[in-house]
């Protein structure tokens, strides 16, 4: 169910990519600001009536990205920084949205690894925990493509993912 690649999230061909975001749908770290330029309409132009709940996820068009859709994972707010709890809740929401939309493949970064004080190992463990909780309930998504920036991170994620690696 999990495939780990060293790649650029903007070019991965999947049904949807995951974009970590704030309760106001703003990017939460510099690497995700690049997604703004390729979004359907700039993601910053999407109007939200009220702040989104931390731990939730919303789906939008992907614009010029290689993916068809974007799942915005809400992991922090103005008064609440990203935490292991918010990342774990967002992972559950990501998987729920992917299931509801019957997405076969979802590309995602390790949420807040290297940003927000969450290590690569911790981010991978949170992801694996969410996948293990979700895998028995539905057939979607069939594959999570975890996009990392180095072979070192790839090895860490693959080791932690264990039998979930394809």
Protein backbone atom coordinates (compact mmCIF):
# COMPACT_ATOMS: atom_id res chain seq x y z
CA UNK A 1 0.00 0.00 0.00
CA UNK A 2 2.98 2.37 0.49
CA UNK A 3 5.59 3.24 -2.12
CA UNK A 4 8.37 5.66 -1.20
CA UNK A 5 10.03 7.79 -3.88
CA UNK A 6 12.65 10.52 -3.96
CA UNK A 7 10.89 13.03 -6.19
CA UNK A 8 9.16 16.39 -6.49
CA UNK A 9 5.59 16.34 -5.19
CA UNK A 10 4.46 18.67 -8.01
CA UNK A 11 5.36 16.14 -10.70
CA UNK A 12 4.13 12.88 -9.17
CA UNK A 13 1.34 11.34 -11.28
CA UNK A 14 -1.36 10.31 -8.80
CA UNK A 15 -5.06 10.92 -8.32
CA UNK A 16 -4.33 13.49 -5.61
CA UNK A 17 -1.43 15.05 -3.77
CA UNK A 18 -1.52 16.20 -0.17
CA UNK A 19 -0.75 19.82 0.67
CA UNK A 20 -0.19 20.63 4.36
CA UNK A 21 -2.11 23.81 5.13
CA UNK A 22 -3.27 26.13 7.89
CA UNK A 23 -6.82 26.66 9.08
CA UNK A 24 -6.94 29.53 6.55
CA UNK A 25 -5.71 27.22 3.75
CA UNK A 26 -2.28 28.87 3.65
CA UNK A 27 0.90 26.83 3.05
CA UNK A 28 2.56 25.86 6.31
CA UNK A 29 6.19 25.63 5.20
CA UNK A 30 8.38 26.90 2.37
CA UNK A 31 8.46 23.71 0.27
CA UNK A 32 4.70 23.89 -0.18
CA UNK A 33 4.62 27.49 -1.31
CA UNK A 34 5.69 26.24 -4.79
CA UNK A 35 2.34 24.50 -5.08
CA UNK A 36 0.65 27.91 -5.01
CA UNK A 37 1.92 28.80 -8.48
CA UNK A 38 0.62 25.59 -10.03
CA UNK A 39 -2.76 25.39 -8.28
CA UNK A 40 -6.03 25.62 -10.21
CA UNK A 41 -6.67 29.11 -9.05
CA UNK A 42 -4.07 30.12 -6.57
CA UNK A 43 -4.98 28.22 -3.42
CA UNK A 44 -4.71 31.52 -1.60
CA UNK A 45 -7.65 32.76 -3.70
CA UNK A 46 -10.00 30.02 -2.45
CA UNK A 47 -12.59 31.66 -0.24
CA UNK A 48 -13.43 30.01 3.04
CA UNK A 49 -16.22 31.36 5.21
CA UNK A 50 -14.76 30.25 8.52
CA UNK A 51 -11.42 28.80 9.51
CA UNK A 52 -11.11 25.10 8.84
CA UNK A 53 -10.75 22.68 11.73
CA UNK A 54 -7.28 21.46 12.59
CA UNK A 55 -7.07 17.81 11.62
CA UNK A 56 -9.55 18.14 8.78
CA UNK A 57 -8.92 17.78 5.05
CA UNK A 58 -10.57 19.33 1.99
CA UNK A 59 -10.32 18.44 -1.69
CA UNK A 60 -9.86 20.93 -4.55
CA UNK A 61 -8.82 20.91 -8.18
CA UNK A 62 -5.09 20.61 -8.87
CA UNK A 63 -4.65 23.05 -11.74
CA UNK A 64 -1.36 22.51 -13.57
CA UNK A 65 -0.04 19.93 -11.13
CA UNK A 66 0.53 16.38 -12.39
CA UNK A 67 -2.14 15.14 -9.96
CA UNK A 68 -5.86 15.47 -10.66
CA UNK A 69 -6.79 16.84 -7.22
CA UNK A 70 -5.25 18.27 -4.07
CA UNK A 71 -6.14 17.17 -0.56
CA UNK A 72 -5.39 20.09 1.77
CA UNK A 73 -4.48 18.65 5.18
CA UNK A 74 -5.18 21.20 7.91
CA UNK A 75 -2.39 20.73 10.45
CA UNK A 76 -2.00 24.11 12.15
CA UNK A 77 -3.68 27.39 12.97
CA UNK A 78 -2.64 30.87 14.02
CA UNK A 79 -2.66 29.93 17.69
CA UNK A 80 -1.88 26.21 17.39
CA UNK A 81 1.31 25.04 15.68
CA UNK A 82 1.55 21.70 13.93
CA UNK A 83 1.90 18.86 16.40
CA UNK A 84 1.96 15.07 16.37
CA UNK A 85 -1.73 15.15 17.32
CA UNK A 86 -2.75 17.49 14.49
CA UNK A 87 -0.69 15.54 11.95
CA UNK A 88 -2.23 12.21 13.06
CA UNK A 89 -5.75 13.63 12.86
CA UNK A 90 -5.02 15.11 9.43
CA UNK A 91 -3.68 11.74 8.20
CA UNK A 92 -6.97 10.13 9.25
CA UNK A 93 -8.86 12.85 7.35
CA UNK A 94 -6.66 12.45 4.27
CA UNK A 95 -7.40 8.73 4.14
CA UNK A 96 -11.10 9.35 4.75
CA UNK A 97 -11.28 11.88 1.88
CA UNK A 98 -9.32 9.60 -0.45
CA UNK A 99 -11.73 6.79 0.37
CA UNK A 100 -14.84 8.94 -0.09
CA UNK A 101 -13.58 10.15 -3.49
CA UNK A 102 -12.41 6.60 -4.36
CA UNK A 103 -8.90 7.79 -5.13
CA UNK A 104 -6.62 4.96 -6.13
CA UNK A 105 -3.29 6.73 -5.60
CA UNK A 106 -2.40 9.59 -3.26
CA UNK A 107 0.97 11.32 -3.18
CA UNK A 108 1.99 12.85 0.09
CA UNK A 109 4.98 14.36 1.80
CA UNK A 110 5.80 13.34 5.32
CA UNK A 111 3.60 15.88 7.07
CA UNK A 112 5.76 18.44 8.85
CA UNK A 113 8.90 16.30 8.85
CA UNK A 114 11.68 18.80 9.37
CA UNK A 115 9.18 21.60 10.04
CA UNK A 116 7.10 22.11 13.14
CA UNK A 117 9.47 20.05 15.28
CA UNK A 118 8.38 16.64 13.98
CA UNK A 119 11.22 14.33 12.96
CA UNK A 120 11.17 12.20 9.82
CA UNK A 121 10.86 9.12 12.02
CA UNK A 122 7.92 10.53 13.99
CA UNK A 123 6.13 11.70 10.83
CA UNK A 124 6.58 8.25 9.27
CA UNK A 125 5.28 6.52 12.41
CA UNK A 126 2.19 8.78 12.46
CA UNK A 127 1.52 8.00 8.80
CA UNK A 128 1.96 4.25 9.27
CA UNK A 129 -0.32 4.27 12.33
CA UNK A 130 -3.06 6.02 10.36
CA UNK A 131 -2.67 3.65 7.40
CA UNK A 132 -2.87 0.59 9.65
CA UNK A 133 -6.05 1.92 11.29
CA UNK A 134 -7.58 2.70 7.91
CA UNK A 135 -6.56 -0.28 5.81
CA UNK A 136 -9.16 -2.68 7.18
CA UNK A 137 -12.08 -0.33 6.59
CA UNK A 138 -11.92 0.40 2.86
CA UNK A 139 -10.18 -0.41 -0.41
CA UNK A 140 -9.22 3.20 -1.14
CA UNK A 141 -6.66 4.55 -1.54
CA UNK A 142 -4.92 1.52 -2.93
CA UNK A 143 -1.48 3.17 -2.88
CA UNK A 144 0.15 5.98 -0.94
CA UNK A 145 3.15 7.40 -2.76
CA UNK A 146 5.28 8.98 -0.04
CA UNK A 147 7.46 11.65 -1.60
CA UNK A 148 10.71 12.37 0.20
CA UNK A 149 13.71 14.54 -0.65
CA UNK A 150 16.59 12.13 -0.01
CA UNK A 151 17.61 8.48 -0.10
CA UNK A 152 18.25 8.73 3.65
CA UNK A 153 14.61 9.71 4.31
CA UNK A 154 13.43 7.02 1.89
CA UNK A 155 15.31 4.35 3.87
CA UNK A 156 13.82 5.60 7.15
CA UNK A 157 10.25 5.57 5.82
CA UNK A 158 10.65 2.15 4.21
CA UNK A 159 12.04 0.66 7.43
CA UNK A 160 9.20 2.09 9.55
CA UNK A 161 6.54 1.10 6.97
CA UNK A 162 7.67 -2.53 7.05
CA UNK A 163 5.11 -4.89 5.53
CA UNK A 164 3.09 -1.98 4.06
CA UNK A 165 5.82 -1.36 1.44
CA UNK A 166 4.97 -2.55 -2.03
